[in-house]
Amino acid sequence: MNFDDYTRLINKTEDYIEINLGKQITLSDAAKNVNFSEYHFHRLFSKYSNETLKQFITRIKMERSAIYLATYSKISITEIAYKYGYNSSSSYNKAFKKHFGMSPTEFRKEQERKRNNK
């Protein structure tokens, strides 16, 4: 495989993850999507994306859910948690706070404050 092949592997995996963000995506699922063994896929994905599959999925979920929080103030945090594959709002809150250093509620309030000050 050359560099372009690896780029396609990463891009195809990213597309798969984007489409399935609301589901629990396993290493096995992602590897099957690109016809690699789990071991080989994990090694290649980590090398070329500079993060593990789990780290990548978590980051994407956090980034997309943050956009939702900032954009759709009428949608509850619990609904957003479920939309992005979390089983409860508490597990989502914990992951969000770990990623952004503040709770989803604090983040939403901060975004509203910024919009109102413009």
C-alpha atoms as a PDB file:
ATOM      1  CA  MET A   1       0.000   0.000   0.000  1.00  0.00           C
ATOM      2  CA  ASN A   2       1.158   3.516  -0.731  1.00  0.00           C
ATOM      3  CA  PHE A   3       0.367   6.764   1.047  1.00  0.00           C
ATOM      4  CA  ASP A   4      -2.743   7.409  -1.097  1.00  0.00           C
ATOM      5  CA  ASP A   5      -4.105   3.978  -0.152  1.00  0.00           C
ATOM      6  CA  TYR A   6      -3.671   4.796   3.535  1.00  0.00           C
ATOM      7  CA  THR A   7      -5.345   8.157   3.021  1.00  0.00           C
ATOM      8  CA  ARG A   8      -8.314   6.422   1.403  1.00  0.00           C
ATOM      9  CA  LEU A   9      -8.427   3.959   4.321  1.00  0.00           C
ATOM     10  CA  ILE A  10      -8.587   6.815   6.828  1.00  0.00           C
ATOM     11  CA  ASN A  11     -11.135   8.752   4.763  1.00  0.00           C
ATOM     12  CA  LYS A  12     -13.369   5.709   4.296  1.00  0.00           C
ATOM     13  CA  THR A  13     -13.189   5.024   8.033  1.00  0.00           C
ATOM     14  CA  GLU A  14     -14.013   8.644   8.864  1.00  0.00           C
ATOM     15  CA  ASP A  15     -17.023   8.532   6.533  1.00  0.00           C
ATOM     16  CA  TYR A  16     -18.211   5.290   8.143  1.00  0.00           C
ATOM     17  CA  ILE A  17     -17.897   6.810  11.609  1.00  0.00           C
ATOM     18  CA  GLU A  18     -19.724  10.006  10.603  1.00  0.00           C
ATOM     19  CA  ILE A  19     -22.637   7.973   9.231  1.00  0.00           C
ATOM     20  CA  ASN A  20     -22.801   5.783  12.341  1.00  0.00           C
ATOM     21  CA  LEU A  21     -22.079   8.309  15.112  1.00  0.00           C
ATOM     22  CA  GLY A  22     -25.267   7.419  16.990  1.00  0.00           C
ATOM     23  CA  LYS A  23     -24.259   3.766  17.236  1.00  0.00           C
ATOM     24  CA  GLN A  24     -21.622   1.940  19.215  1.00  0.00           C
ATOM     25  CA  ILE A  25     -18.801   1.494  16.692  1.00  0.00           C
ATOM     26  CA  THR A  26     -16.317  -1.228  17.485  1.00  0.00           C
ATOM     27  CA  LEU A  27     -12.829  -1.804  16.185  1.00  0.00           C
ATOM     28  CA  SER A  28     -14.201  -4.903  14.492  1.00  0.00           C
ATOM     29  CA  ASP A  29     -16.924  -2.882  12.697  1.00  0.00           C
ATOM     30  CA  ALA A  30     -14.451  -0.302  11.431  1.00  0.00           C
ATOM     31  CA  ALA A  31     -11.926  -2.921  10.331  1.00  0.00           C
ATOM     32  CA  LYS A  32     -14.582  -4.895   8.441  1.00  0.00           C
ATOM     33  CA  ASN A  33     -15.679  -1.709   6.695  1.00  0.00           C
ATOM     34  CA  VAL A  34     -12.255  -1.456   5.031  1.00  0.00           C
ATOM     35  CA  ASN A  35     -11.563  -5.203   4.765  1.00  0.00           C
ATOM     36  CA  PHE A  36      -8.657  -5.343   7.230  1.00  0.00           C
ATOM     37  CA  SER A  37      -7.954  -7.466  10.249  1.00  0.00           C
ATOM     38  CA  GLU A  38      -8.561  -5.666  13.541  1.00  0.00           C
ATOM     39  CA  TYR A  39      -4.862  -5.779  14.397  1.00  0.00           C
ATOM     40  CA  HIS A  40      -3.683  -4.380  11.058  1.00  0.00           C
ATOM     41  CA  PHE A  41      -6.439  -1.776  10.932  1.00  0.00           C
ATOM     42  CA  HIS A  42      -5.738  -0.556  14.478  1.00  0.00           C
ATOM     43  CA  ARG A  43      -2.034  -0.210  13.724  1.00  0.00           C
ATOM     44  CA  LEU A  44      -2.593   1.676  10.468  1.00  0.00           C
ATOM     45  CA  PHE A  45      -5.367   3.913  11.753  1.00  0.00           C
ATOM     46  CA  SER A  46      -3.358   4.937  14.813  1.00  0.00           C
ATOM     47  CA  LYS A  47      -0.252   5.581  12.739  1.00  0.00           C
ATOM     48  CA  TYR A  48      -1.917   7.694  10.061  1.00  0.00           C
ATOM     49  CA  SER A  49      -4.508   9.531  12.130  1.00  0.00           C
ATOM     50  CA  ASN A  50      -2.287  10.113  15.196  1.00  0.00           C
ATOM     51  CA  GLU A  51      -5.034   8.868  17.516  1.00  0.00           C
ATOM     52  CA  THR A  52      -6.668   5.554  18.276  1.00  0.00           C
ATOM     53  CA  LEU A  53     -10.028   4.708  16.782  1.00  0.00           C
ATOM     54  CA  LYS A  54     -11.664   5.171  20.181  1.00  0.00           C
ATOM     55  CA  GLN A  55     -10.049   8.591  20.647  1.00  0.00           C
ATOM     56  CA  PHE A  56     -11.111   9.607  17.153  1.00  0.00           C
ATOM     57  CA  ILE A  57     -14.724   8.501  17.667  1.00  0.00           C
ATOM     58  CA  THR A  58     -14.930  10.272  21.019  1.00  0.00           C
ATOM     59  CA  ARG A  59     -13.473  13.477  19.587  1.00  0.00           C
ATOM     60  CA  ILE A  60     -15.874  13.488  16.640  1.00  0.00           C
ATOM     61  CA  LYS A  61     -18.862  12.808  18.909  1.00  0.00           C
ATOM     62  CA  MET A  62     -17.814  15.637  21.212  1.00  0.00           C
ATOM     63  CA  GLU A  63     -17.247  18.097  18.368  1.00  0.00           C
ATOM     64  CA  ARG A  64     -20.553  17.277  16.647  1.00  0.00           C
ATOM     65  CA  SER A  65     -22.529  17.316  19.877  1.00  0.00           C
ATOM     66  CA  ALA A  66     -20.991  20.682  20.817  1.00  0.00           C
ATOM     67  CA  ILE A  67     -22.261  22.105  17.522  1.00  0.00           C
ATOM     68  CA  TYR A  68     -25.698  20.716  18.351  1.00  0.00           C
ATOM     69  CA  LEU A  69     -25.585  22.212  21.850  1.00  0.00           C
ATOM     70  CA  ALA A  70     -24.648  25.606  20.491  1.00  0.00           C
ATOM     71  CA  THR A  71     -27.121  25.563  17.609  1.00  0.00           C
ATOM     72  CA  TYR A  72     -30.251  23.866  18.944  1.00  0.00           C
ATOM     73  CA  SER A  73     -31.067  25.326  22.342  1.00  0.00           C
ATOM     74  CA  LYS A  74     -34.525  23.713  22.398  1.00  0.00           C
ATOM     75  CA  ILE A  75     -33.129  20.165  22.204  1.00  0.00           C
ATOM     76  CA  SER A  76     -32.392  18.698  25.610  1.00  0.00           C
ATOM     77  CA  ILE A  77     -28.947  17.537  26.595  1.00  0.00           C
ATOM     78  CA  THR A  78     -30.374  14.053  27.152  1.00  0.00           C
ATOM     79  CA  GLU A  79     -31.658  13.947  23.562  1.00  0.00           C
ATOM     80  CA  ILE A  80     -28.252  15.028  22.282  1.00  0.00           C
ATOM     81  CA  ALA A  81     -26.572  12.367  24.435  1.00  0.00           C
ATOM     82  CA  TYR A  82     -28.777   9.666  22.897  1.00  0.00           C
ATOM     83  CA  LYS A  83     -28.293  11.069  19.383  1.00  0.00           C
ATOM     84  CA  TYR A  84     -24.549  10.579  19.725  1.00  0.00           C
ATOM     85  CA  GLY A  85     -24.755   7.058  21.121  1.00  0.00           C
ATOM     86  CA  TYR A  86     -24.517   7.652  24.857  1.00  0.00           C
ATOM     87  CA  ASN A  87     -26.711   5.453  27.055  1.00  0.00           C
ATOM     88  CA  SER A  88     -27.364   8.202  29.579  1.00  0.00           C
ATOM     89  CA  SER A  89     -26.943  11.910  29.988  1.00  0.00           C
ATOM     90  CA  SER A  90     -24.556  11.300  32.906  1.00  0.00           C
ATOM     91  CA  SER A  91     -22.112   9.302  30.754  1.00  0.00           C
ATOM     92  CA  TYR A  92     -22.347  11.996  28.071  1.00  0.00           C
ATOM     93  CA  ASN A  93     -21.821  14.766  30.645  1.00  0.00           C
ATOM     94  CA  LYS A  94     -18.729  13.017  31.988  1.00  0.00           C
ATOM     95  CA  ALA A  95     -17.223  12.534  28.505  1.00  0.00           C
ATOM     96  CA  PHE A  96     -18.071  16.111  27.499  1.00  0.00           C
ATOM     97  CA  LYS A  97     -16.517  17.588  30.631  1.00  0.00           C
ATOM     98  CA  LYS A  98     -13.384  15.496  30.146  1.00  0.00           C
ATOM     99  CA  HIS A  99     -13.071  16.689  26.554  1.00  0.00           C
ATOM    100  CA  PHE A 100     -13.986  20.392  26.923  1.00  0.00           C
ATOM    101  CA  GLY A 101     -13.319  21.070  30.607  1.00  0.00           C
ATOM    102  CA  MET A 102     -16.924  22.106  31.241  1.00  0.00           C
ATOM    103  CA  SER A 103     -20.316  20.448  31.352  1.00  0.00           C
ATOM    104  CA  PRO A 104     -22.677  20.514  28.362  1.00  0.00           C
ATOM    105  CA  THR A 105     -24.930  22.895  30.320  1.00  0.00           C
ATOM    106  CA  GLU A 106     -22.039  25.277  30.984  1.00  0.00           C
ATOM    107  CA  PHE A 107     -20.985  25.048  27.339  1.00  0.00           C
ATOM    108  CA  ARG A 108     -24.501  25.829  26.118  1.00  0.00           C
ATOM    109  CA  LYS A 109     -24.792  28.815  28.466  1.00  0.00           C
ATOM    110  CA  GLU A 110     -21.392  30.100  27.334  1.00  0.00           C
ATOM    111  CA  GLN A 111     -22.447  29.856  23.678  1.00  0.00           C
ATOM    112  CA  GLU A 112     -25.720  31.686  24.407  1.00  0.00           C
ATOM    113  CA  ARG A 113     -23.809  34.403  26.285  1.00  0.00           C
ATOM    114  CA  LYS A 114     -21.457  34.845  23.314  1.00  0.00           C
ATOM    115  CA  ARG A 115     -24.376  35.110  20.873  1.00  0.00           C
ATOM    116  CA  ASN A 116     -26.135  37.682  23.050  1.00  0.00           C
ATOM    117  CA  ASN A 117     -23.010  39.870  23.345  1.00  0.00           C
ATOM    118  CA  LYS A 118     -22.659  40.289  19.580  1.00  0.00           C
END
